[in-house]
Structures are given as structure tokens and as C-alpha cells.
Protein backbone atom coordinates (compact mmCIF):
# COMPACT_ATOMS: atom_id res chain seq x y z
CA MET A 1 -46.51 -32.23 20.35
CA LEU A 2 -44.70 -33.57 17.31
CA PRO A 3 -47.32 -32.16 14.98
CA LYS A 4 -47.27 -28.94 17.40
CA ILE A 5 -43.16 -28.39 16.11
CA VAL A 6 -44.16 -29.41 12.34
CA ALA A 7 -47.11 -26.53 12.85
CA LEU A 8 -44.77 -24.28 13.26
CA LEU A 9 -41.71 -25.34 11.23
CA PHE A 10 -44.61 -25.60 8.65
CA CYS A 11 -45.21 -21.78 9.57
CA PHE A 12 -41.89 -20.04 9.54
CA PRO A 13 -41.40 -20.40 5.48
CA LEU A 14 -45.03 -18.80 5.37
CA MET A 15 -44.36 -15.90 7.55
CA GLY A 16 -41.52 -15.30 5.47
CA PHE A 17 -39.22 -15.09 8.63
CA SER A 18 -40.19 -12.09 9.15
CA PHE A 19 -38.86 -11.69 12.67
CA LEU A 20 -35.64 -11.73 10.88
CA THR A 21 -36.34 -7.93 9.47
CA GLU A 22 -35.63 -6.96 13.21
CA PHE A 23 -32.00 -7.66 12.90
CA ASN A 24 -29.57 -4.21 12.15
CA ALA A 25 -25.84 -5.49 11.31
CA GLU A 26 -23.49 -2.00 10.77
CA PHE A 27 -21.97 -2.74 7.52
CA ASP A 28 -18.84 -0.58 6.36
CA ASN A 29 -20.17 1.12 2.93
CA SER A 30 -17.11 3.34 2.98
CA ALA A 31 -14.73 3.31 -0.22
CA ARG A 32 -11.01 2.47 0.46
CA ILE A 33 -7.59 3.50 -0.97
CA ILE A 34 -4.71 1.39 0.08
CA ILE A 35 -1.17 2.14 -0.73
CA SER A 36 1.81 0.25 -0.38
CA SER A 37 5.49 1.86 -0.92
CA GLU A 38 9.12 0.49 0.94
CA ASP A 39 9.30 3.84 2.83
CA LEU A 40 5.67 5.90 3.37
CA VAL A 41 6.54 6.83 7.19
CA GLY A 42 7.54 10.85 6.87
CA SER A 43 6.15 11.03 3.51
CA GLN A 44 3.38 13.44 2.64
CA LEU A 45 -0.48 12.57 1.92
CA THR A 46 -2.41 14.30 0.06
CA ILE A 47 -6.53 13.32 -1.37
CA GLY A 48 -8.48 15.78 -2.41
CA GLU A 49 -8.19 19.05 -0.55
CA LYS A 50 -6.63 17.27 3.05
CA SER A 51 -2.88 16.63 3.22
CA THR A 52 -1.49 14.80 6.23
CA GLU A 53 2.23 13.26 6.87
CA VAL A 54 2.32 9.59 7.02
CA SER A 55 3.66 8.17 11.10
CA PHE A 56 4.49 4.83 11.70
CA GLN A 57 0.90 4.62 13.88
CA ASP A 58 -1.14 5.56 10.34
CA LEU A 59 -0.10 1.82 9.09
CA ALA A 60 -1.39 -1.02 8.62
CA LYS A 61 -0.52 -3.17 11.60
CA HIS A 62 -0.35 -6.68 9.90
CA LYS A 63 2.84 -7.03 7.95
CA SER A 64 2.62 -9.79 5.16
CA THR A 65 5.52 -8.38 2.64
CA ASN A 66 8.36 -5.81 2.76
CA LEU A 67 5.89 -3.20 2.07
CA ASP A 68 4.29 -0.43 4.32
CA ILE A 69 0.50 -0.52 3.68
CA LEU A 70 -1.65 2.20 4.39
CA ILE A 71 -5.42 2.36 4.60
CA ILE A 72 -7.55 5.84 4.13
CA ARG A 73 -11.56 5.09 4.13
CA VAL A 74 -13.71 8.15 1.76
CA GLY A 75 -16.67 8.45 0.95
CA ALA A 76 -17.65 7.78 -2.63
CA GLY A 77 -16.47 10.39 -5.39
CA SER A 78 -12.81 11.60 -7.36
CA TYR A 79 -9.73 12.15 -5.69
CA LEU A 80 -6.71 13.40 -6.32
CA VAL A 81 -4.01 11.25 -4.75
CA SER A 82 -0.69 12.35 -4.23
CA LEU A 83 2.01 11.36 -2.26
CA SER A 84 5.70 12.98 -2.29
CA LYS A 85 8.41 13.60 0.13
CA PHE A 86 11.27 16.39 0.95
CA ASP A 87 9.63 18.36 -1.78
CA GLN A 88 9.76 15.48 -4.26
CA ILE A 89 6.47 14.30 -5.65
CA LEU A 90 6.68 10.93 -6.07
CA PHE A 91 3.04 9.42 -7.14
CA LYS A 92 0.22 11.62 -8.51
CA THR A 93 -3.73 10.06 -9.82
CA ARG A 94 -6.70 10.98 -9.81
CA VAL A 95 -8.48 7.88 -8.41
CA ILE A 96 -12.78 7.52 -9.04
CA LEU A 97 -14.54 5.38 -6.25
CA ASP A 98 -17.69 4.12 -5.67
CA THR A 99 -19.82 2.92 -2.64
CA GLY A 100 -18.24 0.02 -1.31
CA GLN A 101 -14.86 -0.13 -3.86
CA THR A 102 -11.31 -0.25 -3.29
CA ARG A 103 -8.52 1.20 -5.44
CA LYS A 104 -4.95 0.16 -4.51
CA LEU A 105 -1.95 1.91 -5.42
CA ARG A 106 1.45 0.61 -5.56
CA VAL A 107 4.13 3.86 -4.94
CA ARG A 108 8.19 2.41 -6.56
CA GLN A 109 10.31 4.90 -4.66
């Protein structure tokens, strides 16, 4: 019995652990933009051509600071990001992202 176990353990490295190649893990490789500010609710956020009003449900669930945190998933590319409130632009910048990258933007109000 012991020789069979030793032979089996010896064969796994020789096979290159080929049985592990069938493992399909799904990874989220999308790029992210993280925006933090004192008061994001009610602001108008524009990323590229898409515009939306930030609501309380859009904010990140965890609160480690006194800041509102908004996490947006986007594809790789270049985006013009602007944040406005009451028709006044609070923040405007161009962000270039590659797959899996994260950019943190801090907006002071």
C-alpha cells in the first residue's frame, strides 16, 4: 500500500498537476474609479458620455471615514470624469485606465 501512495505522489509532479487546469475561477478584471468626498449624494456624475445622479444606494456600504465613497466599474480606456452639484462643476479630470487598474479621486467640497 505504501509503495502505491509514494508512486502516486511521485506521479503528480510529473503530470504537471494537469487535473488543476480544469479549474475555472471567474476574476473581475474591470477597471475601477473610486470617488470620495464629504457629500456625494445629489451630485451629477459624468463619466465619458454617461451621466447619472448619485443616490445613497450608489455609495459603498462600508464607512471607515466621514467620506462618501462611490465605486464605479468601467472598461479599460480613457474617460473624462466630472462631478457637479447645483450646476457648479466641483471636479473635472481625464482618467486613463488599463484592465484591472483602480484610480482613486478625492473631491474636496
